[in-house]
Structures are given as C-alpha cells and as structure tokens.
Amino acid sequence: MRKKKQALNKGITLIALVITIIVLLILAGVGISTLTGEGGILNKANTAKTENNKSKVEEELKIAIMAIKTEAIEKGEKPTLQELADENSNYSLEKQFDFEWIDQNTNPLLIKKEGIFCYIYDDLSMEVSLTDETYGINTNLQNCKLSNTRTRVVKESSYTTQLLLDKFYEMELVEVKMGEQDITAEAYQAESKTISIEKLTDNITITIVSKIQLDNVVTLVQMLDENCSYTTMTEVINDTEFFNRLLGNEKTIQYIFDSKNVILPGITSSAQGFTAVINHETAFQAMCENANARLAMYNSYTVTESILTNSTKALEIMRNSSRYQIVSGTINARNGGTLYGGKAFVFSVSQNCSNDDSNAGGTYTYNCYHHGTYLNGGTIENKSAYQWYGTTGLLGNIKKFASSVTAGHFNHLHGGGDSGTGYAAIFKI
C-alpha cells in the first residue's frame, strides 16, 4: 500500500513538471512576442525612435527652408526650386542644411538625411517619408491654376489643392482620376472648389475646363478697371475714353467679340459705339475677321450700313480683309444667275454682256439688270452698260448688306447675244 502511494506521488510530480515547463514556454513566448512582435516593446521603441527621427529631420528642414524664404523676402525675391538645388545660388539648400542628394533635377527635389527621405516641391512645401516612392500628378488646366502644384506626392499620403479660377471665368468641367478610375464625385468639393484625396493608390490626373462669363458688362468693365461701376453698354459707350481703352485691349476686345447677346449687339446697334469701333483701326480689323462680330454688324444693318458707306477707311479695311472677294457667275440672257448665295456686304457689281453682232452697224448699248436681296432697299436695275462691261469696271456701286447676291437678265438694243457673266465685289459675312 505504501509503495502505491509513493508511485502515485512520483507520477503527480512528473505531470506537474511537464505543466510547469509548458507554462514557462508559454510565458517565454508571450514575453518574446511582447518584446519583438509587431506591436512589441522593441518594435514600438524602434518605431518611436524612427518617428522621432522623422520629426527631427522634418523640423530641421522646415527651419532651413524658412530661413531661405526669410532671406528672399528681405530682398523682395521669391526663391525657386532650381535655386534651392543650385549649390552656387544665394538660396542653395546646402548652405542651410546637411543632407545627401538623391534627385537634384526633378519636382519634387529628393534628399536624404539619417535614413529619412525628404521631398521638396515647387511651392517649397515638403513631405518626409521612410521610402523614396512617389505618385505622379498630371494636370490639364484651362484658365485656372492649383493652389498646390506638386507634380508628385509621396505614396500613401494625402493630396489637397484648391482651384484658383480667374475671376472672369466659370467652371465647365472638373474631372479627377486615380489611374483609370474616375473619383471626381468623392474628390472634388464644388462649393469650396477643392480637390482632396485622403489616400493615394495610383497616379492622379486632374482635368479642369472653364469658360469665360460672357454677356456680362460688369465683367467686361472689371477686366480693365475694377473701380468703374458701369452696368450697361450705353454707359460704357458714353465714356469715350474708357470705351476706346476697351477697344485697344486685346483681352477685352476678344471678350466683346465672343459675347453674342448683350455686349456685341449693344455696340453694333449704337451709332456712337459702332462709329468708335470703325474709327479704331485695330479693333475694326479684328471685327472683320471675327464671325460673331461680322454677324452682329450684319444684323444691325439699319445702323451699320450707312456708317460703313460713309467711311472710306472702313471700306478700305473691309477690302483688305480675308473676307473680301470678287465673285462671278454665268448669266442667262433672260433669267440671270446667282453670284453668291450667302450673307454679304456688296461693294459693287457689273455684267459682261457678250454679243454676236459683227454684221450690224452702230453702237451697241446694253441694259444689264442686277438683282440682289438687299436688306435696306430693293434691286439695282437698268444699269446701262457698253460692250464688255466687266471686272475692270465694277461700276454699279451698291454699298449695301444683302442676304444673297444675284445678277438679273440683260437686254441689248441691237443684235443678238444670249449669255454673259455677272461680277460682284463683296465682303462675306
């Protein structure tokens, strides 16, 4: 009985020993994991050391860049990324900061210090990272710029920029893509005109298209002088000096011609305004070459036609423009023919009436009838013409706007002849 008890005691002791060993192994594993695991003490210590190092390098770089900016401000200058990279520049980064160059010729600049990669962008903003991997930002901008113009950003970081739109333009299209994925809806806030991407996973493409605020007299005035308070074209035209300044400014004259409903018609329908335009040689030359302006001039024919007719200089500019042309067409002796089927300002017309009257004697007089669809007055008829009254003459002075240019039939007093040619010198609308 005693031997059994002793054996039992020995058995219990062995089990306890095994359990103790297992417990010790578990505790050892837990201890090792606590020390070396992903969230372990040693890793946390290393992470903290790395983060502290990142913060230290970042702070030193910020101080260096701030010193460069301060020096530049005192001189009334603005340092560029290229100057920071140039060791011979007054604003060389190497004069302020001890580091190793990784990439000296790109945007962003890439430097390294104590294992920390530092990216410096063209607006002299910066990012620090443990890697040298970046994403690209491609931009296609029209009439605006980005507040943050970085061309590359550190992977896994965020990117925020505001659209700085010219105040005379309004947004027509905003598109933001992450690689091939359209993320416009989540990245663009229309109210603040801000593009914000919390975490980059691919290259970004930003496309911005805007259009000018047309038919806005206030905008037109502010493009030249923000202090003027004119709100109608009549007010603008009545200020002769100011209106002439508008006509002489390339940006404002283009704005005028691009408008269709208020500004441009307001000028062409005003005798004072249109006279000012044709007396401004550069402005009127531009008007002759602009489709919107030509149509507005045509539509306001009750005002513009008589002013043009009485302005030798304006007619000369029209003749020298790319829209001037001498058109011709065959005329049937009885039915006439079309010379130009579109809108035009007609300078002059003539007809060349052929004949076969070699056996008849005397002087041959031809009555050539010219018909154009003139906006301000009907047909020009009974233009008496002698033999070969053609392109050298163009004597039938018209000086009228027409919706089409045609030549009527011709008759002659003696002999025969059944065809001819009509000519017209026109300015095509």
Protein backbone atom coordinates (compact mmCIF):
# COMPACT_ATOMS: atom_id res chain seq x y z
CA MET A 1 0.00 0.00 0.00
CA ARG A 2 2.82 2.37 0.84
CA LYS A 3 4.58 1.58 -2.46
CA LYS A 4 1.49 2.51 -4.44
CA LYS A 5 1.23 5.83 -2.67
CA GLN A 6 4.87 6.57 -3.37
CA ALA A 7 4.41 5.73 -7.05
CA LEU A 8 1.36 7.96 -7.23
CA ASN A 9 3.29 10.83 -5.70
CA LYS A 10 6.05 10.35 -8.22
CA GLY A 11 3.50 10.42 -11.07
CA ILE A 12 1.94 13.64 -9.89
CA THR A 13 5.33 15.27 -9.64
CA LEU A 14 6.17 14.38 -13.26
CA ILE A 15 2.87 15.83 -14.56
CA ALA A 16 3.42 18.99 -12.56
CA LEU A 17 6.87 19.29 -14.06
CA VAL A 18 5.52 18.98 -17.60
CA ILE A 19 2.80 21.51 -16.88
CA THR A 20 5.35 23.87 -15.38
CA ILE A 21 7.56 23.58 -18.44
CA ILE A 22 4.59 24.22 -20.76
CA VAL A 23 3.57 27.26 -18.72
CA LEU A 24 7.13 28.54 -18.78
CA LEU A 25 7.29 28.07 -22.54
CA ILE A 26 4.01 29.95 -22.97
CA LEU A 27 5.23 32.72 -20.75
CA ALA A 28 8.51 32.83 -22.64
CA GLY A 29 6.61 33.05 -25.95
CA VAL A 30 4.42 35.81 -24.63
CA GLY A 31 7.45 37.61 -23.33
CA ILE A 32 9.33 37.30 -26.60
CA SER A 33 6.26 38.42 -28.54
CA THR A 34 5.83 41.35 -26.22
CA LEU A 35 9.41 42.31 -26.82
CA THR A 36 9.86 41.56 -30.54
CA GLY A 37 6.38 41.15 -32.06
CA GLU A 38 4.81 43.61 -34.47
CA GLY A 39 3.32 45.54 -31.59
CA GLY A 40 6.12 44.56 -29.24
CA ILE A 41 8.10 46.75 -26.94
CA LEU A 42 11.24 46.63 -29.07
CA ASN A 43 9.32 47.39 -32.29
CA LYS A 44 7.41 50.17 -30.58
CA ALA A 45 10.66 51.54 -29.34
CA ASN A 46 12.16 51.38 -32.84
CA THR A 47 9.02 52.92 -34.34
CA ALA A 48 9.09 55.69 -31.78
CA LYS A 49 12.78 56.24 -32.49
CA THR A 50 12.08 56.36 -36.25
CA GLU A 51 9.14 58.73 -35.83
CA ASN A 52 11.21 60.96 -33.57
CA ASN A 53 13.96 60.91 -36.15
CA LYS A 54 11.45 61.78 -38.91
CA SER A 55 10.08 64.64 -36.85
CA LYS A 56 13.58 65.92 -36.07
CA VAL A 57 14.68 65.85 -39.73
CA GLU A 58 11.38 67.42 -40.81
CA GLU A 59 11.74 70.21 -38.26
CA GLU A 60 15.35 70.90 -39.30
CA LEU A 61 14.35 71.03 -42.97
CA LYS A 62 11.43 73.36 -42.22
CA ILE A 63 13.77 75.71 -40.35
CA ALA A 64 16.24 75.65 -43.25
CA ILE A 65 13.55 76.43 -45.84
CA MET A 66 12.07 79.14 -43.62
CA ALA A 67 15.49 80.76 -43.34
CA ILE A 68 15.79 80.77 -47.16
CA LYS A 69 12.30 82.25 -47.56
CA THR A 70 13.00 84.95 -44.96
CA GLU A 71 16.21 85.97 -46.69
CA ALA A 72 14.39 86.14 -50.03
CA ILE A 73 11.53 88.23 -48.61
CA GLU A 74 14.01 90.75 -47.23
CA LYS A 75 15.36 91.15 -50.77
CA GLY A 76 11.91 91.26 -52.35
CA GLU A 77 12.57 87.96 -54.13
CA LYS A 78 10.99 84.54 -54.31
CA PRO A 79 13.30 81.51 -54.33
CA THR A 80 12.65 78.75 -56.84
CA LEU A 81 13.13 75.02 -56.64
CA GLN A 82 16.00 75.30 -59.09
CA GLU A 83 17.76 77.83 -56.85
CA LEU A 84 17.45 75.51 -53.87
CA ALA A 85 19.13 72.77 -55.92
CA ASP A 86 21.93 75.02 -57.23
CA GLU A 87 24.92 74.99 -54.88
CA ASN A 88 26.08 78.32 -56.33
CA SER A 89 22.74 80.05 -55.72
CA ASN A 90 22.17 82.51 -52.87
CA TYR A 91 19.30 80.25 -51.85
CA SER A 92 21.12 76.94 -52.04
CA LEU A 93 19.69 74.41 -49.58
CA GLU A 94 23.16 73.03 -48.98
CA LYS A 95 24.12 76.28 -47.23
CA GLN A 96 21.40 75.75 -44.63
CA PHE A 97 21.11 72.00 -44.23
CA ASP A 98 23.39 68.94 -44.14
CA PHE A 99 21.96 66.15 -46.32
CA GLU A 100 22.54 63.73 -49.20
CA TRP A 101 21.15 64.42 -52.69
CA ILE A 102 19.02 61.61 -54.17
CA ASP A 103 17.43 63.52 -57.09
CA GLN A 104 18.50 67.09 -57.76
CA ASN A 105 16.78 67.72 -61.10
CA THR A 106 13.11 66.93 -60.58
CA ASN A 107 9.98 68.28 -58.98
CA PRO A 108 9.97 67.35 -56.19
CA LEU A 109 13.61 67.51 -55.16
CA LEU A 110 14.54 64.38 -53.24
CA ILE A 111 17.10 64.42 -50.44
CA LYS A 112 18.01 62.02 -47.65
CA LYS A 113 19.17 62.54 -44.11
CA GLU A 114 19.67 59.90 -41.40
CA GLY A 115 17.60 57.37 -43.38
CA ILE A 116 14.71 59.79 -43.88
CA PHE A 117 13.66 60.79 -47.41
CA CYS A 118 12.59 64.41 -47.84
CA TYR A 119 10.57 65.71 -50.81
CA ILE A 120 10.59 69.46 -51.60
CA TYR A 121 8.00 70.75 -54.10
CA ASP A 122 7.95 73.78 -56.38
CA ASP A 123 5.90 75.81 -53.88
CA LEU A 124 8.61 74.93 -51.32
CA SER A 125 6.21 72.75 -49.37
CA MET A 126 7.67 69.44 -48.21
CA GLU A 127 6.97 65.88 -47.08
CA VAL A 128 9.13 63.34 -45.27
CA SER A 129 8.94 59.58 -45.70
CA LEU A 130 10.75 56.34 -44.98
CA THR A 131 10.66 55.48 -48.71
CA ASP A 132 11.56 57.20 -51.96
CA GLU A 133 8.39 56.11 -53.80
CA THR A 134 6.06 58.75 -55.23
CA TYR A 135 2.92 59.06 -57.35
CA GLY A 136 2.64 61.45 -60.29
CA ILE A 137 0.06 64.22 -60.69
CA ASN A 138 -0.87 65.04 -64.27
CA THR A 139 -2.83 68.25 -64.87
CA ASN A 140 -4.78 69.59 -67.82
CA LEU A 141 -5.91 73.06 -66.78
CA GLN A 142 -7.78 75.78 -68.63
CA ASN A 143 -7.98 79.32 -67.24
CA CYS A 144 -7.08 78.30 -63.70
CA LYS A 145 -4.26 77.02 -61.54
CA LEU A 146 -3.93 74.79 -58.48
CA SER A 147 -3.04 76.12 -55.05
CA ASN A 148 -0.84 73.05 -54.61
CA THR A 149 1.04 72.48 -57.85
CA ARG A 150 3.12 69.48 -56.82
CA THR A 151 3.85 67.17 -59.73
CA ARG A 152 4.44 64.15 -57.47
CA VAL A 153 3.33 63.14 -53.99
CA VAL A 154 4.60 60.52 -51.58
CA LYS A 155 2.78 57.21 -51.86
CA GLU A 156 0.09 56.55 -49.27
CA SER A 157 -0.05 60.25 -48.37
CA SER A 158 -2.92 62.69 -48.94
CA TYR A 159 -3.21 65.45 -51.54
CA THR A 160 -5.31 68.61 -51.25
CA THR A 161 -5.46 71.52 -53.65
CA GLN A 162 -7.82 74.40 -54.37
CA LEU A 163 -8.75 75.53 -57.87
CA LEU A 164 -7.72 79.15 -58.31
CA LEU A 165 -10.01 80.22 -61.14
CA ASP A 166 -9.64 83.51 -62.98
CA LYS A 167 -12.48 85.66 -61.64
CA PHE A 168 -13.81 86.25 -65.17
CA TYR A 169 -14.31 82.52 -65.76
CA GLU A 170 -16.77 79.92 -64.53
CA MET A 171 -16.28 76.17 -64.18
CA GLU A 172 -17.47 73.98 -67.04
CA LEU A 173 -15.80 70.62 -66.28
CA VAL A 174 -13.87 69.09 -63.39
CA GLU A 175 -12.54 65.55 -63.67
CA VAL A 176 -10.28 63.74 -61.21
CA LYS A 177 -8.96 60.27 -61.99
CA MET A 178 -6.92 57.85 -59.91
CA GLY A 179 -5.27 55.79 -62.59
CA GLU A 180 -8.21 54.72 -64.75
CA GLN A 181 -10.81 55.17 -62.00
CA ASP A 182 -12.96 58.32 -62.04
CA ILE A 183 -13.06 59.64 -58.46
CA THR A 184 -14.42 63.11 -59.23
CA ALA A 185 -17.54 62.67 -57.10
CA GLU A 186 -15.60 61.81 -53.97
CA ALA A 187 -12.55 64.03 -54.54
CA TYR A 188 -14.00 67.36 -55.73
CA GLN A 189 -15.99 69.70 -53.50
CA ALA A 190 -17.71 72.18 -55.82
CA GLU A 191 -18.64 74.68 -53.14
CA SER A 192 -15.06 75.25 -52.00
CA LYS A 193 -13.54 74.36 -55.40
CA THR A 194 -11.23 71.98 -53.54
CA ILE A 195 -9.80 68.64 -54.65
CA SER A 196 -8.98 66.44 -51.67
CA ILE A 197 -7.68 62.87 -51.84
CA GLU A 198 -7.12 61.23 -48.47
CA LYS A 199 -5.03 58.29 -49.61
CA LEU A 200 -3.31 57.88 -52.95
CA THR A 201 -3.20 54.46 -54.54
CA ASP A 202 -2.29 55.45 -58.09
CA ASN A 203 -1.23 58.37 -60.25
CA ILE A 204 -3.72 61.26 -60.32
CA THR A 205 -4.98 63.08 -63.40
CA ILE A 206 -6.78 66.41 -62.88
CA THR A 207 -8.66 67.96 -65.79
CA ILE A 208 -10.22 71.42 -65.43
CA VAL A 209 -12.11 73.22 -68.23
CA SER A 210 -13.65 76.64 -67.67
CA LYS A 211 -15.42 79.19 -69.81
CA ILE A 212 -15.46 82.95 -69.71
CA GLN A 213 -18.51 84.68 -68.22
CA LEU A 214 -19.94 86.05 -71.47
CA ASP A 215 -22.53 88.80 -71.91
CA ASN A 216 -21.62 90.32 -68.58
CA VAL A 217 -20.99 94.06 -68.86
CA VAL A 218 -19.73 94.23 -65.29
CA THR A 219 -17.13 91.55 -66.03
CA LEU A 220 -16.04 93.41 -69.17
CA VAL A 221 -15.59 96.63 -67.22
CA GLN A 222 -13.70 94.94 -64.37
CA MET A 223 -11.31 93.33 -66.83
CA LEU A 224 -9.98 96.84 -67.40
CA ASP A 225 -10.86 98.81 -64.29
CA GLU A 226 -12.37 97.44 -61.08
CA ASN A 227 -13.25 100.95 -59.92
CA CYS A 228 -15.74 101.59 -62.75
CA SER A 229 -19.36 100.87 -61.85
CA TYR A 230 -20.92 100.70 -65.33
CA THR A 231 -23.60 98.03 -65.74
CA THR A 232 -24.92 98.76 -69.26
CA MET A 233 -23.24 99.11 -72.65
CA THR A 234 -24.77 102.56 -73.07
CA GLU A 235 -22.83 103.76 -70.02
CA VAL A 236 -19.65 102.20 -71.33
CA ILE A 237 -20.03 103.66 -74.83
CA ASN A 238 -20.82 107.12 -73.47
CA ASP A 239 -17.46 107.17 -71.67
CA THR A 240 -15.47 107.71 -74.87
CA GLU A 241 -12.04 107.47 -73.28
CA PHE A 242 -12.89 104.28 -71.37
CA PHE A 243 -14.56 102.65 -74.39
CA ASN A 244 -11.52 103.33 -76.55
CA ARG A 245 -9.35 101.69 -73.88
CA LEU A 246 -11.59 98.61 -74.10
CA LEU A 247 -11.22 98.53 -77.88
CA GLY A 248 -7.46 98.79 -77.60
CA ASN A 249 -7.07 95.93 -75.13
CA GLU A 250 -6.58 92.50 -76.70
CA LYS A 251 -8.29 90.65 -73.85
CA THR A 252 -11.37 92.89 -73.69
CA ILE A 253 -11.85 93.09 -77.47
CA GLN A 254 -11.83 89.28 -77.64
CA TYR A 255 -14.35 89.19 -74.78
CA ILE A 256 -16.59 91.61 -76.72
CA PHE A 257 -16.45 89.53 -79.88
CA ASP A 258 -17.03 86.25 -78.00
CA SER A 259 -20.22 87.63 -76.46
CA LYS A 260 -23.36 87.22 -78.56
CA ASN A 261 -26.44 88.53 -76.76
CA VAL A 262 -25.72 91.76 -74.88
CA ILE A 263 -22.31 93.36 -75.30
CA LEU A 264 -21.63 92.90 -79.02
CA PRO A 265 -25.18 93.76 -80.22
CA GLY A 266 -25.13 96.70 -77.81
CA ILE A 267 -22.17 98.12 -79.70
CA THR A 268 -23.25 97.43 -83.30
CA SER A 269 -26.77 98.78 -82.70
CA SER A 270 -25.38 102.06 -81.37
CA ALA A 271 -24.29 104.64 -83.95
CA GLN A 272 -21.84 106.09 -81.43
CA GLY A 273 -20.48 102.69 -80.44
CA PHE A 274 -20.10 101.34 -83.98
CA THR A 275 -18.53 104.58 -85.20
CA ALA A 276 -15.97 104.31 -82.40
CA VAL A 277 -15.16 100.76 -83.50
CA ILE A 278 -14.62 101.57 -87.19
CA ASN A 279 -12.52 104.59 -86.22
CA HIS A 280 -10.30 102.28 -84.16
CA GLU A 281 -8.37 100.59 -86.96
CA THR A 282 -7.07 97.60 -84.95
CA ALA A 283 -10.49 96.92 -83.40
CA PHE A 284 -12.29 97.10 -86.76
CA GLN A 285 -9.71 94.85 -88.42
CA ALA A 286 -10.37 92.31 -85.64
CA MET A 287 -14.12 92.73 -86.14
CA CYS A 288 -13.81 91.96 -89.86
CA GLU A 289 -12.04 88.68 -89.06
CA ASN A 290 -14.43 87.56 -86.29
CA ALA A 291 -17.56 85.60 -87.27
CA ASN A 292 -19.62 86.77 -84.26
CA ALA A 293 -18.72 90.40 -84.90
CA ARG A 294 -19.48 90.22 -88.63
CA LEU A 295 -22.91 88.72 -87.96
CA ALA A 296 -23.71 91.37 -85.34
CA MET A 297 -22.72 94.07 -87.84
CA TYR A 298 -24.95 92.44 -90.48
CA ASN A 299 -27.92 92.08 -88.09
CA SER A 300 -27.65 95.76 -87.13
CA TYR A 301 -27.66 96.90 -90.78
CA THR A 302 -30.10 99.78 -90.13
CA VAL A 303 -27.29 101.42 -88.15
CA THR A 304 -24.09 99.96 -89.56
CA GLU A 305 -24.81 100.17 -93.32
CA SER A 306 -24.92 103.95 -93.62
CA ILE A 307 -21.89 104.37 -91.30
CA LEU A 308 -19.83 101.98 -93.42
CA THR A 309 -20.98 103.61 -96.66
CA ASN A 310 -19.70 106.99 -95.48
CA SER A 311 -16.39 105.75 -94.10
CA THR A 312 -13.65 105.44 -96.73
CA LYS A 313 -11.29 103.99 -94.12
CA ALA A 314 -13.75 101.29 -93.02
CA LEU A 315 -14.42 100.23 -96.61
CA GLU A 316 -10.70 100.04 -97.23
CA ILE A 317 -10.18 97.80 -94.19
CA MET A 318 -13.01 95.53 -95.38
CA ARG A 319 -11.45 95.29 -98.86
CA ASN A 320 -8.10 94.37 -97.32
CA SER A 321 -9.57 91.67 -95.07
CA SER A 322 -9.58 87.93 -95.76
CA ARG A 323 -13.37 88.14 -96.27
CA TYR A 324 -13.16 90.32 -99.40
CA GLN A 325 -13.74 88.55 -102.71
CA ILE A 326 -14.82 89.18 -106.30
CA VAL A 327 -17.39 86.56 -107.20
CA SER A 328 -18.74 85.77 -110.64
CA GLY A 329 -21.29 83.60 -112.35
CA THR A 330 -22.79 82.90 -115.75
CA ILE A 331 -25.92 84.91 -116.52
CA ASN A 332 -28.66 83.64 -118.74
CA ALA A 333 -29.83 86.43 -121.04
CA ARG A 334 -33.38 86.14 -119.74
CA ASN A 335 -33.14 84.60 -116.26
CA GLY A 336 -29.92 85.87 -114.64
CA GLY A 337 -27.89 83.80 -112.16
CA THR A 338 -26.58 83.55 -108.58
CA LEU A 339 -23.15 85.04 -107.83
CA TYR A 340 -23.00 84.37 -104.07
CA GLY A 341 -25.64 82.55 -102.06
CA GLY A 342 -24.73 83.80 -98.57
CA LYS A 343 -24.83 86.94 -96.46
CA ALA A 344 -22.57 89.71 -97.71
CA PHE A 345 -21.84 93.40 -97.86
CA VAL A 346 -21.88 94.27 -101.57
CA PHE A 347 -19.43 96.92 -102.73
CA SER A 348 -20.18 96.96 -106.46
CA VAL A 349 -21.49 94.86 -109.34
CA SER A 350 -21.21 94.63 -113.11
CA GLN A 351 -22.10 92.39 -116.03
CA ASN A 352 -20.17 91.41 -119.07
CA CYS A 353 -22.72 91.01 -121.91
CA SER A 354 -21.32 89.03 -124.83
CA ASN A 355 -22.69 89.66 -128.31
CA ASP A 356 -22.50 88.32 -131.83
CA ASP A 357 -23.42 91.47 -133.76
CA SER A 358 -20.49 91.78 -136.13
CA ASN A 359 -22.78 92.36 -139.15
CA ALA A 360 -24.89 95.05 -137.51
CA GLY A 361 -23.63 98.61 -137.53
CA GLY A 362 -23.64 101.28 -134.91
CA THR A 363 -23.03 101.46 -131.20
CA TYR A 364 -24.30 98.69 -129.05
CA THR A 365 -25.86 99.67 -125.75
CA TYR A 366 -26.79 97.02 -123.19
CA ASN A 367 -29.17 97.34 -120.29
CA CYS A 368 -27.95 94.94 -117.56
CA TYR A 369 -30.33 94.31 -114.68
CA HIS A 370 -28.73 93.40 -111.34
CA HIS A 371 -30.85 91.89 -108.58
CA GLY A 372 -29.54 91.32 -105.05
CA THR A 373 -31.57 90.56 -101.96
CA TYR A 374 -30.55 93.76 -100.20
CA LEU A 375 -31.63 94.27 -96.60
CA ASN A 376 -32.09 98.00 -96.88
CA GLY A 377 -33.55 98.68 -100.32
CA GLY A 378 -34.68 96.54 -103.28
CA THR A 379 -33.00 95.87 -106.57
CA ILE A 380 -30.49 97.82 -108.61
CA GLU A 381 -31.83 97.91 -112.13
CA ASN A 382 -31.27 99.32 -115.57
CA LYS A 383 -27.53 99.76 -115.31
CA SER A 384 -26.67 100.91 -118.78
CA ALA A 385 -23.54 99.18 -119.99
CA TYR A 386 -21.41 99.11 -123.08
CA GLN A 387 -19.75 96.10 -124.57
CA TRP A 388 -17.51 94.14 -122.12
CA TYR A 389 -18.61 95.96 -119.03
CA GLY A 390 -16.93 93.53 -116.60
CA THR A 391 -14.34 93.09 -113.81
CA THR A 392 -12.33 96.15 -114.76
CA GLY A 393 -15.30 98.37 -114.07
CA LEU A 394 -17.49 97.10 -111.26
CA LEU A 395 -19.12 100.48 -111.67
CA GLY A 396 -22.50 99.69 -110.18
CA ASN A 397 -21.69 100.93 -106.67
CA ILE A 398 -24.07 99.36 -104.17
CA LYS A 399 -22.61 99.51 -100.61
CA LYS A 400 -25.42 97.51 -99.08
CA PHE A 401 -25.85 94.39 -96.97
CA ALA A 402 -27.55 91.52 -98.81
CA SER A 403 -28.76 88.06 -97.84
CA SER A 404 -27.64 86.81 -101.27
CA VAL A 405 -26.02 88.29 -104.38
CA THR A 406 -27.59 87.58 -107.76
CA ALA A 407 -27.38 89.01 -111.28
CA GLY A 408 -30.52 89.66 -113.29
CA HIS A 409 -31.03 89.25 -117.02
CA PHE A 410 -29.66 91.66 -119.61
CA ASN A 411 -31.11 93.07 -122.82
CA HIS A 412 -29.43 94.86 -125.69
CA LEU A 413 -30.79 97.35 -128.17
CA HIS A 414 -29.16 95.90 -131.29
CA GLY A 415 -28.15 92.48 -132.47
CA GLY A 416 -28.13 89.19 -130.57
CA GLY A 417 -26.35 87.53 -127.69
CA ASP A 418 -27.76 85.09 -125.19
CA SER A 419 -25.32 84.86 -122.28
CA GLY A 420 -22.93 86.85 -120.15
CA THR A 421 -21.04 86.95 -116.87
CA GLY A 422 -22.01 88.75 -113.69
CA TYR A 423 -19.48 90.07 -111.19
CA ALA A 424 -19.73 91.36 -107.65
CA ALA A 425 -17.14 92.69 -105.20
CA ILE A 426 -18.31 91.54 -101.77
CA PHE A 427 -17.33 91.24 -98.12
CA LYS A 428 -18.54 87.83 -96.96
CA ILE A 429 -20.32 87.74 -93.64
